Each structure stands twice: as structure tokens, then as C-alpha cells.
Amino acid sequence: MLMTTTNSLQGREIADYKGIVTGEAILGANIFKDLFAGIRDIVGGRSGAYEEELQRARQIAMDEMQARAANLGANAVIGVDIDYETVGQNGSMLMVSATGTAVVVH
């Protein structure tokens, strides 16, 4: 399935709009990962453990959005937007949401 942040696909005609589709992923922060990230995983101001969690959450949200589009009979999602939020008590959880428009392209 094609996915793009743009509102069109170059060289492709949008034949049908199926609707807005979303995907979400909420991941709890592991207290031990949080504790040790500051000690062993920060190199040059970056935390590999956090980056891996962000990548995993983003992939889950995009896969879910893509599956919902396919269920509507779409073969592409345009206008994809990805948002990151912390939720829960003291921001203890990470939420990633992906939203786009499911379409059929030729």
C-alpha cells in the first residue's frame, strides 16, 4: 500500500476517497529502561532506548492505519500525519497516532 504525507500521488489518479483512517499505539515506559537510559544509553544527547520505543510505536500506529485503509478497500493513504504525545500519570506513557485519508488510486 502506498502511503504519503502529500495530498496527491504524482502520476496517479485518485479514483475514490474512502475516508479518514487512524492508527494509535500507546506504550508504557519501562521504569528500569528509564532509570538506566540516563546512565548507559545517552551518547551525544541521544537515547537509543527511547528512539527504539518511538520507532516501534510509530510502526504500530502506521501498520494499524494501513490495515484500516485496506479494510475500506483503499490501496493508498494520502495526507499522512504522525503525532507524538505523552499521556498517563506524569507522562508515563507514550502515544503515537497516525492519521490520513484512505483512497483508491489508478
Protein backbone atom coordinates (compact mmCIF):
# COMPACT_ATOMS: atom_id res chain seq x y z
CA MET A 1 0.00 0.00 0.00
CA LEU A 2 1.23 3.47 -0.87
CA MET A 3 1.44 5.99 1.95
CA THR A 4 2.46 9.62 1.62
CA THR A 5 2.34 12.88 3.54
CA THR A 6 1.29 14.71 0.39
CA ASN A 7 -2.33 15.14 -0.72
CA SER A 8 -1.76 13.55 -4.12
CA LEU A 9 0.40 10.93 -5.80
CA GLN A 10 2.38 12.13 -8.77
CA GLY A 11 1.37 10.29 -11.93
CA ARG A 12 -1.57 8.56 -10.18
CA GLU A 13 -5.23 9.49 -10.33
CA ILE A 14 -7.35 9.33 -7.19
CA ALA A 15 -10.47 7.41 -8.21
CA ASP A 16 -12.25 7.25 -4.84
CA TYR A 17 -11.95 8.69 -1.36
CA LYS A 18 -12.73 6.08 1.30
CA GLY A 19 -12.43 8.29 4.37
CA ILE A 20 -10.15 9.23 7.22
CA VAL A 21 -8.20 6.40 8.82
CA THR A 22 -6.20 6.39 12.03
CA GLY A 23 -3.84 4.17 13.93
CA GLU A 24 -2.71 4.53 17.51
CA ALA A 25 -0.08 3.00 19.72
CA ILE A 26 0.25 3.62 23.44
CA LEU A 27 3.35 2.20 25.08
CA GLY A 28 4.12 2.26 28.77
CA ALA A 29 7.52 3.45 29.83
CA ASN A 30 9.59 0.74 31.48
CA ILE A 31 10.89 2.07 34.78
CA PHE A 32 14.18 0.19 34.50
CA LYS A 33 14.73 1.40 30.96
CA ASP A 34 14.05 4.96 32.17
CA LEU A 35 16.43 4.61 35.08
CA PHE A 36 19.31 3.15 33.13
CA ALA A 37 18.82 5.18 29.95
CA GLY A 38 20.37 8.15 31.71
CA ILE A 39 23.37 6.09 32.80
CA ARG A 40 24.27 3.78 29.93
CA ASP A 41 22.39 4.84 26.84
CA ILE A 42 22.84 8.57 26.33
CA VAL A 43 25.53 9.34 23.81
CA GLY A 44 25.76 12.81 22.36
CA GLY A 45 22.43 13.78 23.90
CA ARG A 46 20.52 10.86 22.33
CA SER A 47 18.95 7.85 23.96
CA GLY A 48 18.90 4.73 21.82
CA ALA A 49 16.35 3.05 24.11
CA TYR A 50 13.88 5.91 23.71
CA GLU A 51 14.50 6.13 19.97
CA GLU A 52 13.75 2.41 19.58
CA GLU A 53 10.49 2.81 21.52
CA LEU A 54 9.49 5.76 19.34
CA GLN A 55 10.24 3.78 16.17
CA ARG A 56 8.27 0.79 17.45
CA ALA A 57 5.25 2.91 18.42
CA ARG A 58 5.31 4.75 15.08
CA GLN A 59 5.42 1.46 13.16
CA ILE A 60 2.49 0.03 15.16
CA ALA A 61 0.39 3.16 14.52
CA MET A 62 1.18 3.19 10.79
CA ASP A 63 0.51 -0.55 10.42
CA GLU A 64 -2.86 -0.12 12.15
CA MET A 65 -3.76 2.85 9.92
CA GLN A 66 -2.77 0.88 6.82
CA ALA A 67 -4.88 -2.13 7.89
CA ARG A 68 -7.92 0.10 8.42
CA ALA A 69 -7.44 1.62 4.97
CA ALA A 70 -7.20 -1.83 3.40
CA ASN A 71 -10.43 -2.85 5.18
CA LEU A 72 -12.14 0.07 3.43
CA GLY A 73 -10.88 -1.15 0.05
CA ALA A 74 -8.20 1.53 -0.31
CA ASN A 75 -4.83 0.96 -1.93
CA ALA A 76 -3.19 4.17 -0.69
CA VAL A 77 -3.25 6.62 2.21
CA ILE A 78 -2.55 10.28 1.49
CA GLY A 79 -2.01 13.27 3.78
CA VAL A 80 -0.42 11.12 6.49
CA ASP A 81 0.28 12.97 9.74
CA ILE A 82 2.06 11.47 12.74
CA ASP A 83 1.68 12.94 16.22
CA TYR A 84 3.51 12.12 19.46
CA GLU A 85 2.07 12.76 22.92
CA THR A 86 2.82 11.71 26.47
CA VAL A 87 -0.20 10.53 28.43
CA GLY A 88 -0.91 8.99 31.80
CA GLN A 89 0.20 9.98 35.25
CA ASN A 90 3.29 12.18 34.99
CA GLY A 91 3.60 11.45 31.27
CA SER A 92 4.41 7.82 31.96
CA MET A 93 3.11 6.57 28.62
CA LEU A 94 3.86 7.45 25.03
CA MET A 95 1.07 7.74 22.45
CA VAL A 96 1.76 7.86 18.74
CA SER A 97 -1.12 8.47 16.36
CA ALA A 98 -1.08 8.28 12.57
CA THR A 99 -3.90 9.82 10.53
CA GLY A 100 -4.51 10.01 6.81
CA THR A 101 -7.09 9.74 4.05
CA ALA A 102 -7.71 6.31 2.56
CA VAL A 103 -8.05 6.44 -1.23
CA VAL A 104 -8.16 4.25 -4.31
CA VAL A 105 -5.62 5.28 -6.93
CA HIS A 106 -5.11 4.16 -10.52
